[in-house]
């Protein structure tokens, strides 16, 4: 499944409360590490079933970024049923794989 962009706070709320595990990449266009890990996030999204993948540009969706407390980019957060299950700060490919494993467990 491709990575989709979240374009509003209302859309974000609906997505994280969908009942499915949702992995969200909080990023910024000016962030070098964000650009470095983005292709890895995209690749994983095409390989993993049962988890939805999204991106939030923190400079565009400031309300969402403030609500979830984003302090550094990239930040990856795993949500299910509106709750934050786990997160990862920084462009860490092995950490991202671990987070995705948690997401697939949440999907089971």
C-alpha atoms as a PDB file:
ATOM      1  CA  UNK A   1       0.000   0.000   0.000  1.00  0.00           C
ATOM      2  CA  UNK A   2       1.411   3.416  -0.867  1.00  0.00           C
ATOM      3  CA  UNK A   3       2.104   6.040   1.785  1.00  0.00           C
ATOM      4  CA  UNK A   4      -0.720   8.594   1.897  1.00  0.00           C
ATOM      5  CA  UNK A   5      -0.474  12.212   3.010  1.00  0.00           C
ATOM      6  CA  UNK A   6      -2.739  13.389   5.830  1.00  0.00           C
ATOM      7  CA  UNK A   7      -4.195  16.743   4.815  1.00  0.00           C
ATOM      8  CA  UNK A   8      -6.282  17.805   7.829  1.00  0.00           C
ATOM      9  CA  UNK A   9      -6.704  17.343  11.561  1.00  0.00           C
ATOM     10  CA  UNK A  10     -10.134  15.765  10.973  1.00  0.00           C
ATOM     11  CA  UNK A  11      -8.624  13.272   8.527  1.00  0.00           C
ATOM     12  CA  UNK A  12      -5.878  12.448  11.055  1.00  0.00           C
ATOM     13  CA  UNK A  13      -8.455  11.750  13.789  1.00  0.00           C
ATOM     14  CA  UNK A  14     -10.484   9.492  11.498  1.00  0.00           C
ATOM     15  CA  UNK A  15      -7.385   7.575  10.389  1.00  0.00           C
ATOM     16  CA  UNK A  16      -5.942   6.909  13.854  1.00  0.00           C
ATOM     17  CA  UNK A  17      -9.375   5.823  15.137  1.00  0.00           C
ATOM     18  CA  UNK A  18     -10.021   3.448  12.211  1.00  0.00           C
ATOM     19  CA  UNK A  19      -9.309   0.305  14.247  1.00  0.00           C
ATOM     20  CA  UNK A  20      -6.323  -0.625  12.067  1.00  0.00           C
ATOM     21  CA  UNK A  21      -2.702  -0.122  13.104  1.00  0.00           C
ATOM     22  CA  UNK A  22      -1.474   3.104  11.518  1.00  0.00           C
ATOM     23  CA  UNK A  23       2.164   4.133  11.180  1.00  0.00           C
ATOM     24  CA  UNK A  24       2.648   7.871  10.683  1.00  0.00           C
ATOM     25  CA  UNK A  25       5.870   9.559   9.530  1.00  0.00           C
ATOM     26  CA  UNK A  26       6.045  13.112  10.924  1.00  0.00           C
ATOM     27  CA  UNK A  27       8.519  14.949   8.697  1.00  0.00           C
ATOM     28  CA  UNK A  28       9.482  18.317   7.206  1.00  0.00           C
ATOM     29  CA  UNK A  29      10.601  19.246   3.701  1.00  0.00           C
ATOM     30  CA  UNK A  30      13.799  20.915   5.016  1.00  0.00           C
ATOM     31  CA  UNK A  31      14.799  17.874   7.100  1.00  0.00           C
ATOM     32  CA  UNK A  32      17.723  15.951   5.562  1.00  0.00           C
ATOM     33  CA  UNK A  33      17.299  12.789   7.680  1.00  0.00           C
ATOM     34  CA  UNK A  34      13.586  12.791   6.750  1.00  0.00           C
ATOM     35  CA  UNK A  35      14.479  12.710   3.053  1.00  0.00           C
ATOM     36  CA  UNK A  36      17.057   9.978   3.710  1.00  0.00           C
ATOM     37  CA  UNK A  37      14.645   7.558   5.402  1.00  0.00           C
ATOM     38  CA  UNK A  38      11.577   8.354   3.299  1.00  0.00           C
ATOM     39  CA  UNK A  39      12.421   5.807   0.537  1.00  0.00           C
ATOM     40  CA  UNK A  40      12.841   3.110   3.207  1.00  0.00           C
ATOM     41  CA  UNK A  41       9.446   3.993   4.728  1.00  0.00           C
ATOM     42  CA  UNK A  42       7.892   3.873   1.231  1.00  0.00           C
ATOM     43  CA  UNK A  43       9.495   0.489   0.482  1.00  0.00           C
ATOM     44  CA  UNK A  44       8.273  -1.029   3.763  1.00  0.00           C
ATOM     45  CA  UNK A  45       4.752   0.292   3.133  1.00  0.00           C
ATOM     46  CA  UNK A  46       4.617  -1.763  -0.072  1.00  0.00           C
ATOM     47  CA  UNK A  47       5.790  -4.939   1.689  1.00  0.00           C
ATOM     48  CA  UNK A  48       3.640  -4.968   4.833  1.00  0.00           C
ATOM     49  CA  UNK A  49      -0.008  -6.056   4.934  1.00  0.00           C
ATOM     50  CA  UNK A  50      -2.563  -4.998   7.532  1.00  0.00           C
ATOM     51  CA  UNK A  51      -0.881  -1.711   8.483  1.00  0.00           C
ATOM     52  CA  UNK A  52      -1.687   1.688   6.975  1.00  0.00           C
ATOM     53  CA  UNK A  53       1.196   4.104   6.310  1.00  0.00           C
ATOM     54  CA  UNK A  54       0.842   7.893   6.328  1.00  0.00           C
ATOM     55  CA  UNK A  55       2.965  11.049   6.278  1.00  0.00           C
ATOM     56  CA  UNK A  56       2.333  14.339   8.060  1.00  0.00           C
ATOM     57  CA  UNK A  57       4.302  17.448   7.055  1.00  0.00           C
ATOM     58  CA  UNK A  58       4.731  19.123  10.457  1.00  0.00           C
ATOM     59  CA  UNK A  59       5.073  22.579   8.876  1.00  0.00           C
ATOM     60  CA  UNK A  60       1.730  22.222   7.076  1.00  0.00           C
ATOM     61  CA  UNK A  61      -0.204  20.334   9.773  1.00  0.00           C
ATOM     62  CA  UNK A  62       0.974  22.235  12.847  1.00  0.00           C
ATOM     63  CA  UNK A  63      -2.171  21.372  14.848  1.00  0.00           C
ATOM     64  CA  UNK A  64      -1.518  17.629  14.461  1.00  0.00           C
ATOM     65  CA  UNK A  65       2.196  18.015  15.264  1.00  0.00           C
ATOM     66  CA  UNK A  66       1.379  19.983  18.424  1.00  0.00           C
ATOM     67  CA  UNK A  67      -1.325  17.529  19.514  1.00  0.00           C
ATOM     68  CA  UNK A  68       0.996  14.514  19.362  1.00  0.00           C
ATOM     69  CA  UNK A  69       3.982  16.455  20.737  1.00  0.00           C
ATOM     70  CA  UNK A  70       6.427  16.295  17.832  1.00  0.00           C
ATOM     71  CA  UNK A  71       9.777  17.749  18.926  1.00  0.00           C
ATOM     72  CA  UNK A  72      12.167  16.272  16.344  1.00  0.00           C
ATOM     73  CA  UNK A  73      11.965  15.008  12.774  1.00  0.00           C
ATOM     74  CA  UNK A  74      11.550  12.443  11.602  1.00  0.00           C
ATOM     75  CA  UNK A  75       9.292  10.928  14.246  1.00  0.00           C
ATOM     76  CA  UNK A  76       7.390   7.749  13.470  1.00  0.00           C
ATOM     77  CA  UNK A  77       4.362   6.965  15.638  1.00  0.00           C
ATOM     78  CA  UNK A  78       2.295   3.784  15.679  1.00  0.00           C
ATOM     79  CA  UNK A  79      -1.380   4.344  16.501  1.00  0.00           C
ATOM     80  CA  UNK A  80      -4.255   1.906  16.947  1.00  0.00           C
ATOM     81  CA  UNK A  81      -7.801   2.736  18.079  1.00  0.00           C
ATOM     82  CA  UNK A  82      -6.738   6.348  18.635  1.00  0.00           C
ATOM     83  CA  UNK A  83      -3.956   5.371  21.036  1.00  0.00           C
ATOM     84  CA  UNK A  84      -0.209   5.802  20.581  1.00  0.00           C
ATOM     85  CA  UNK A  85       1.317   2.328  20.899  1.00  0.00           C
ATOM     86  CA  UNK A  86       4.951   3.126  20.156  1.00  0.00           C
ATOM     87  CA  UNK A  87       7.217   5.672  18.503  1.00  0.00           C
ATOM     88  CA  UNK A  88      10.668   6.153  17.013  1.00  0.00           C
ATOM     89  CA  UNK A  89      12.680   9.368  16.869  1.00  0.00           C
ATOM     90  CA  UNK A  90      15.210   9.852  14.092  1.00  0.00           C
ATOM     91  CA  UNK A  91      16.132   8.253  10.783  1.00  0.00           C
ATOM     92  CA  UNK A  92      16.953   4.783  12.108  1.00  0.00           C
ATOM     93  CA  UNK A  93      16.220   2.029   9.545  1.00  0.00           C
ATOM     94  CA  UNK A  94      16.602  -0.865  12.010  1.00  0.00           C
ATOM     95  CA  UNK A  95      14.467   0.963  14.571  1.00  0.00           C
ATOM     96  CA  UNK A  96      11.860   1.519  11.877  1.00  0.00           C
ATOM     97  CA  UNK A  97      11.838  -2.226  11.114  1.00  0.00           C
ATOM     98  CA  UNK A  98      11.253  -2.910  14.826  1.00  0.00           C
ATOM     99  CA  UNK A  99       8.377  -0.412  14.883  1.00  0.00           C
ATOM    100  CA  UNK A 100       6.851  -2.019  11.787  1.00  0.00           C
ATOM    101  CA  UNK A 101       7.111  -5.439  13.493  1.00  0.00           C
ATOM    102  CA  UNK A 102       5.121  -4.015  16.433  1.00  0.00           C
ATOM    103  CA  UNK A 103       2.554  -2.676  13.955  1.00  0.00           C
ATOM    104  CA  UNK A 104       2.118  -6.074  12.290  1.00  0.00           C
ATOM    105  CA  UNK A 105       1.681  -7.662  15.741  1.00  0.00           C
ATOM    106  CA  UNK A 106      -1.032  -5.083  16.478  1.00  0.00           C
ATOM    107  CA  UNK A 107      -2.711  -6.026  13.205  1.00  0.00           C
ATOM    108  CA  UNK A 108      -2.854  -9.726  14.090  1.00  0.00           C
END
